[in-house]
Amino acid sequence: MIYQCTIASSTTISGIGLHSGKMINMTLRPAEAGTGIVFHRTEGERTVSIEAISANVVDTRLATVLGKSGLTVSTVEHLMAALCAQGIDNLHIDIDGPEVPVMDGSARYFVEKLQQVGIRSLPRGRKFLAVRKPMTVIDGEKRVSVIPSRFFRVTADIAFDHPSIGLQHRSVKMSKEFFHRELAPARTFGFLKEVEYLKANGLARGGSLENAVVISDEGVLNPEGLRFQDEFVRHKILDSIGDFSLAGYPILGHFKSFKSGHDINHQMVEKILASPDCWKLVEFTEKDLQEALLAAPPALASGLALSEA
């Protein structure tokens, strides 16, 4: 049986929020099997528990925002991608602010924290959502589809009318090591004019060259430059992994996207969950795992992680 997992011990992460600019403290605690990923959002003496599932998504305009009973947690996608890649199914997240700390704008810090505390197996099998029939969502120029696959794959194409980005394409298949090395460091990005507009309207107060790639008409403003030549599409894939994890189960399917964003990613997850005739939940035994490993080493060993396709 492939078992559900949680972290081996608690850990605390502190940092500023991208939009609020406030210092936020977040404590990750182990959870029992069947708990799922749950944010415990505190404001004053009030605490609201918000499950990290698609039904609790309340906004997707600038980031993926979860909410319940009047309290929200924004910018969850980078942390959720890290949890997904590390195969963590169950976790309590105590958070005292309105958004997950942005850190350096990537998922690298979260992955390294999770690796430091370690991962512990739990006495219950992990269920996978296996896509059986193709599904597609189209919203203007944006498009996301998913087709059956033995693995979790993401293929992304982006197109920006700017010489620093242009057309970029990448296709990946899940493995912890590849995610940590090639996707987790990819930072969020934005155009200088958009950042200035957001700041003028009370948003992106915590945004800086320390936690985002900023692009002007002339090019990338960050003095250190890019971490990867195609950092932009890598970050789009990172975001998508976090967004798709809100289906509530690790997914066996191949997602293909063009100009995707949080909004259409959420629409795709909602369509999947509303189409039970297009998928089924499956569990794997150790024998299944060994056969998968013989066929393709990175396959199912950690549930969901990424290696080059």
Protein backbone atom coordinates (compact mmCIF):
# COMPACT_ATOMS: atom_id res chain seq x y z
CA MET A 1 0.00 0.00 0.00
CA ILE A 2 1.21 3.53 -0.80
CA TYR A 3 0.56 5.37 2.43
CA GLN A 4 -0.56 8.91 3.18
CA CYS A 5 2.09 11.21 4.65
CA THR A 6 2.52 14.16 6.97
CA ILE A 7 5.57 16.01 8.32
CA ALA A 8 7.65 14.42 11.09
CA SER A 9 7.64 17.50 13.36
CA SER A 10 6.36 21.06 13.53
CA THR A 11 8.14 24.02 11.97
CA THR A 12 7.50 27.77 11.80
CA ILE A 13 7.94 30.04 8.78
CA SER A 14 7.81 33.84 9.02
CA GLY A 15 7.91 36.43 6.26
CA ILE A 16 6.09 39.33 4.67
CA GLY A 17 2.90 39.04 2.65
CA LEU A 18 3.20 40.05 -1.00
CA HIS A 19 0.08 42.21 -1.00
CA SER A 20 -0.37 43.21 2.65
CA GLY A 21 3.30 43.89 3.33
CA LYS A 22 2.68 42.58 6.87
CA MET A 23 4.95 40.18 8.75
CA ILE A 24 3.13 36.83 8.90
CA ASN A 25 3.86 33.79 11.04
CA MET A 26 2.91 30.34 9.82
CA THR A 27 3.37 27.11 11.77
CA LEU A 28 3.15 23.74 10.02
CA ARG A 29 2.06 20.87 12.28
CA PRO A 30 1.70 17.11 11.65
CA ALA A 31 -1.86 15.86 11.04
CA GLU A 32 -3.54 12.48 11.24
CA ALA A 33 -4.46 10.43 8.18
CA GLY A 34 -7.59 11.69 6.43
CA THR A 35 -7.19 15.25 7.71
CA GLY A 36 -6.08 16.82 4.44
CA ILE A 37 -4.34 20.19 4.28
CA VAL A 38 -6.06 22.64 6.65
CA PHE A 39 -5.27 26.32 7.24
CA HIS A 40 -6.19 27.62 10.70
CA ARG A 41 -6.51 31.35 10.07
CA THR A 42 -6.34 33.55 13.18
CA GLU A 43 -7.44 37.15 13.47
CA GLY A 44 -7.56 38.59 16.97
CA GLU A 45 -9.17 35.96 19.19
CA ARG A 46 -10.97 34.35 16.27
CA THR A 47 -9.73 31.26 14.42
CA VAL A 48 -11.37 29.74 11.33
CA SER A 49 -10.29 26.39 9.85
CA ILE A 50 -10.17 26.45 6.05
CA GLU A 51 -9.61 23.19 4.16
CA ALA A 52 -7.32 23.54 1.14
CA ILE A 53 -9.87 22.33 -1.40
CA SER A 54 -11.38 23.82 -4.52
CA ALA A 55 -14.77 24.41 -2.84
CA ASN A 56 -13.10 26.98 -0.55
CA VAL A 57 -11.52 29.06 -3.35
CA VAL A 58 -13.04 32.54 -3.10
CA ASP A 59 -10.81 34.58 -5.44
CA THR A 60 -8.35 33.92 -8.29
CA ARG A 61 -7.66 37.40 -9.69
CA LEU A 62 -4.13 38.00 -8.37
CA ALA A 63 -3.49 34.71 -6.56
CA THR A 64 -5.40 31.68 -5.35
CA VAL A 65 -7.36 32.70 -2.24
CA LEU A 66 -9.06 30.30 0.18
CA GLY A 67 -11.79 31.52 2.50
CA LYS A 68 -14.50 30.56 4.95
CA SER A 69 -16.71 32.41 7.43
CA GLY A 70 -15.34 35.80 6.48
CA LEU A 71 -11.61 35.03 6.83
CA THR A 72 -9.25 34.32 3.94
CA VAL A 73 -5.76 33.07 3.19
CA SER A 74 -4.25 34.32 -0.07
CA THR A 75 -1.32 33.25 -2.26
CA VAL A 76 -1.49 29.60 -1.21
CA GLU A 77 -0.26 28.20 -4.54
CA HIS A 78 3.51 28.14 -3.88
CA LEU A 79 3.13 26.35 -0.54
CA MET A 80 0.55 23.95 -1.97
CA ALA A 81 2.89 23.10 -4.86
CA ALA A 82 5.68 22.33 -2.39
CA LEU A 83 3.40 20.08 -0.32
CA CYS A 84 2.19 18.33 -3.46
CA ALA A 85 5.72 17.71 -4.72
CA GLN A 86 6.82 16.32 -1.34
CA GLY A 87 3.84 13.95 -1.23
CA ILE A 88 2.33 15.48 1.93
CA ASP A 89 -1.36 14.64 2.23
CA ASN A 90 -2.16 15.84 5.76
CA LEU A 91 -1.07 19.02 7.52
CA HIS A 92 -2.28 21.67 9.96
CA ILE A 93 -1.16 25.21 9.05
CA ASP A 94 -1.59 27.88 11.73
CA ILE A 95 -1.38 31.33 10.13
CA ASP A 96 -1.86 34.75 11.73
CA GLY A 97 -2.19 36.88 8.60
CA PRO A 98 -4.19 37.18 5.36
CA GLU A 99 -1.69 35.47 3.06
CA VAL A 100 1.07 32.90 2.97
CA PRO A 101 4.47 34.61 3.30
CA VAL A 102 5.92 35.26 -0.16
CA MET A 103 9.53 34.50 0.88
CA ASP A 104 11.65 34.96 -2.30
CA GLY A 105 8.65 34.60 -4.64
CA SER A 106 9.26 30.90 -5.27
CA ALA A 107 8.59 27.57 -3.52
CA ARG A 108 12.25 26.79 -2.76
CA TYR A 109 12.20 27.87 0.90
CA PHE A 110 9.07 25.80 1.59
CA VAL A 111 10.58 22.66 0.05
CA GLU A 112 13.80 23.06 2.04
CA LYS A 113 11.86 23.56 5.29
CA LEU A 114 9.82 20.42 4.62
CA GLN A 115 12.97 18.44 3.91
CA GLN A 116 14.55 19.69 7.15
CA VAL A 117 11.69 18.46 9.36
CA GLY A 118 11.21 15.23 7.42
CA ILE A 119 8.17 13.32 6.21
CA ARG A 120 6.34 10.56 8.10
CA SER A 121 4.10 7.82 6.67
CA LEU A 122 0.64 7.29 8.13
CA PRO A 123 -1.35 4.05 8.47
CA ARG A 124 -3.82 4.73 5.66
CA GLY A 125 -3.55 4.31 1.91
CA ARG A 126 -3.31 7.27 -0.44
CA LYS A 127 -6.04 7.58 -3.06
CA PHE A 128 -5.23 8.97 -6.50
CA LEU A 129 -7.67 10.68 -8.85
CA ALA A 130 -7.03 8.90 -12.15
CA VAL A 131 -8.31 10.76 -15.21
CA ARG A 132 -10.15 8.40 -17.58
CA LYS A 133 -11.53 10.78 -20.24
CA PRO A 134 -10.20 14.07 -21.69
CA MET A 135 -11.60 17.36 -20.36
CA THR A 136 -11.01 20.92 -21.56
CA VAL A 137 -11.73 24.45 -20.34
CA ILE A 138 -11.46 27.45 -22.69
CA ASP A 139 -11.69 31.06 -21.56
CA GLY A 140 -10.89 33.49 -24.37
CA GLU A 141 -7.28 32.85 -25.37
CA LYS A 142 -6.66 30.77 -22.26
CA ARG A 143 -6.97 27.01 -22.46
CA VAL A 144 -6.39 24.09 -20.08
CA SER A 145 -7.04 20.44 -20.86
CA VAL A 146 -6.31 17.14 -19.13
CA ILE A 147 -5.95 13.71 -20.69
CA PRO A 148 -5.41 10.25 -19.15
CA SER A 149 -1.86 9.41 -18.05
CA ARG A 150 -0.19 6.92 -15.71
CA PHE A 151 1.61 9.87 -14.12
CA PHE A 152 1.01 13.49 -13.15
CA ARG A 153 2.35 15.58 -16.03
CA VAL A 154 2.10 19.30 -16.78
CA THR A 155 2.84 20.86 -20.16
CA ALA A 156 2.63 24.65 -20.38
CA ASP A 157 2.93 27.24 -23.13
CA ILE A 158 3.00 30.97 -22.40
CA ALA A 159 3.04 33.94 -24.77
CA PHE A 160 3.87 37.52 -23.81
CA ASP A 161 4.45 40.41 -26.19
CA HIS A 162 7.75 41.30 -24.53
CA PRO A 163 11.26 40.32 -25.70
CA SER A 164 12.26 39.19 -22.18
CA ILE A 165 9.56 36.49 -22.25
CA GLY A 166 8.05 35.88 -25.68
CA LEU A 167 6.95 32.28 -26.31
CA GLN A 168 8.03 29.66 -23.78
CA HIS A 169 7.23 25.95 -23.56
CA ARG A 170 8.02 23.25 -21.01
CA SER A 171 6.71 19.77 -20.21
CA VAL A 172 7.41 17.92 -16.95
CA LYS A 173 6.54 14.71 -15.09
CA MET A 174 6.39 14.42 -11.28
CA SER A 175 9.54 13.66 -9.05
CA LYS A 176 10.66 15.28 -5.81
CA GLU A 177 14.21 15.91 -6.95
CA PHE A 178 13.30 17.60 -10.23
CA PHE A 179 10.73 19.83 -8.55
CA HIS A 180 13.25 20.96 -5.94
CA ARG A 181 16.03 21.59 -8.44
CA GLU A 182 14.22 22.87 -11.54
CA LEU A 183 10.81 24.28 -10.54
CA ALA A 184 10.81 25.31 -6.89
CA PRO A 185 13.37 28.15 -7.41
CA ALA A 186 11.32 29.77 -10.22
CA ARG A 187 9.97 33.11 -8.96
CA THR A 188 6.70 34.92 -9.50
CA PHE A 189 6.94 37.74 -12.01
CA GLY A 190 5.20 40.93 -13.07
CA PHE A 191 5.54 43.98 -15.25
CA LEU A 192 6.72 47.24 -13.68
CA LYS A 193 3.64 49.16 -14.84
CA GLU A 194 1.33 46.56 -13.29
CA VAL A 195 3.31 46.57 -10.03
CA GLU A 196 3.12 50.36 -9.84
CA TYR A 197 -0.65 50.23 -10.45
CA LEU A 198 -1.14 47.61 -7.73
CA LYS A 199 0.92 49.61 -5.23
CA ALA A 200 -1.07 52.76 -6.05
CA ASN A 201 -4.24 50.80 -5.22
CA GLY A 202 -2.99 49.46 -1.90
CA LEU A 203 -1.82 46.08 -3.18
CA ALA A 204 1.62 44.51 -3.66
CA ARG A 205 2.82 46.45 -0.60
CA GLY A 206 5.35 43.73 0.16
CA GLY A 207 6.48 43.30 -3.42
CA SER A 208 10.12 44.02 -4.27
CA LEU A 209 13.01 42.77 -6.36
CA GLU A 210 13.75 40.46 -3.40
CA ASN A 211 10.60 38.41 -3.98
CA ALA A 212 9.61 38.78 -7.64
CA VAL A 213 11.04 39.12 -11.12
CA VAL A 214 10.04 42.60 -12.31
CA ILE A 215 10.10 43.48 -16.00
CA SER A 216 10.24 47.00 -17.42
CA ASP A 217 10.02 48.03 -21.07
CA GLU A 218 13.79 47.64 -21.22
CA GLY A 219 13.99 44.19 -19.64
CA VAL A 220 14.42 42.36 -16.32
CA LEU A 221 15.14 44.83 -13.49
CA ASN A 222 16.52 42.33 -10.98
CA PRO A 223 20.29 42.92 -10.80
CA GLU A 224 21.03 39.18 -10.49
CA GLY A 225 18.97 38.43 -13.61
CA LEU A 226 16.98 35.24 -14.10
CA ARG A 227 17.57 31.92 -12.33
CA PHE A 228 16.63 30.06 -15.53
CA GLN A 229 16.35 31.24 -19.11
CA ASP A 230 12.72 30.06 -19.08
CA GLU A 231 11.97 30.98 -15.44
CA PHE A 232 8.61 32.43 -16.44
CA VAL A 233 7.06 29.24 -17.81
CA ARG A 234 8.62 27.22 -14.98
CA HIS A 235 6.82 29.45 -12.48
CA LYS A 236 3.55 29.04 -14.39
CA ILE A 237 3.92 25.27 -14.00
CA LEU A 238 4.71 25.69 -10.30
CA ASP A 239 1.53 27.75 -9.84
CA SER A 240 -0.49 25.17 -11.77
CA ILE A 241 0.75 22.33 -9.57
CA GLY A 242 -0.41 24.23 -6.48
CA ASP A 243 -3.76 25.08 -8.04
CA PHE A 244 -4.45 21.54 -9.29
CA SER A 245 -3.63 20.12 -5.84
CA LEU A 246 -6.86 21.72 -4.60
CA ALA A 247 -8.72 18.84 -6.23
CA GLY A 248 -8.07 17.16 -2.88
CA TYR A 249 -6.28 14.11 -4.29
CA PRO A 250 -2.99 13.58 -6.13
CA ILE A 251 -3.90 13.43 -9.82
CA LEU A 252 -2.83 10.91 -12.46
CA GLY A 253 -3.33 12.87 -15.65
CA HIS A 254 -1.52 15.05 -18.18
CA PHE A 255 -2.47 18.73 -18.02
CA LYS A 256 -1.79 20.89 -21.07
CA SER A 257 -2.20 24.65 -20.85
CA PHE A 258 -1.87 27.78 -22.96
CA LYS A 259 -1.73 31.19 -21.26
CA SER A 260 -3.08 29.66 -18.05
CA GLY A 261 -3.64 31.49 -14.78
CA HIS A 262 -5.22 30.87 -11.39
CA ASP A 263 -8.70 31.56 -12.73
CA ILE A 264 -8.73 28.96 -15.49
CA ASN A 265 -6.78 26.46 -13.34
CA HIS A 266 -9.59 26.70 -10.79
CA GLN A 267 -12.19 26.27 -13.53
CA MET A 268 -10.37 23.11 -14.65
CA VAL A 269 -10.36 21.63 -11.14
CA GLU A 270 -14.06 22.45 -10.73
CA LYS A 271 -14.84 20.78 -14.06
CA ILE A 272 -12.93 17.66 -13.05
CA LEU A 273 -14.76 17.40 -9.73
CA ALA A 274 -18.11 17.98 -11.48
CA SER A 275 -17.40 15.17 -14.01
CA PRO A 276 -17.12 11.95 -11.97
CA ASP A 277 -17.72 9.90 -15.13
CA CYS A 278 -14.32 11.13 -16.40
CA TRP A 279 -12.18 9.82 -13.51
CA LYS A 280 -12.03 7.31 -10.68
CA LEU A 281 -10.26 7.07 -7.33
CA VAL A 282 -7.62 4.35 -7.14
CA GLU A 283 -5.20 2.98 -4.54
CA PHE A 284 -1.88 1.28 -5.19
CA THR A 285 -0.22 -1.63 -3.41
CA GLU A 286 3.52 -2.04 -2.98
CA LYS A 287 3.43 -4.50 -5.91
CA ASP A 288 1.85 -1.83 -8.10
CA LEU A 289 4.56 0.58 -6.98
CA GLN A 290 7.38 -1.82 -7.81
CA GLU A 291 5.93 -2.47 -11.28
CA ALA A 292 5.64 1.28 -11.85
CA LEU A 293 9.21 1.81 -10.71
CA LEU A 294 10.45 -0.81 -13.15
CA ALA A 295 8.52 0.89 -15.96
CA ALA A 296 9.57 4.45 -15.07
CA PRO A 297 11.74 5.10 -11.99
CA PRO A 298 10.32 8.53 -11.00
CA ALA A 299 6.72 7.38 -11.39
CA LEU A 300 4.79 6.94 -8.18
CA ALA A 301 7.47 6.67 -5.49
CA SER A 302 6.42 9.88 -3.76
CA GLY A 303 2.92 10.20 -5.13
CA LEU A 304 3.49 13.53 -6.81
CA ALA A 305 6.87 15.08 -7.61
CA LEU A 306 8.44 16.15 -11.01
CA SER A 307 11.08 14.96 -13.50
CA GLU A 308 11.81 16.08 -17.03
CA ALA A 309 9.37 14.58 -19.52
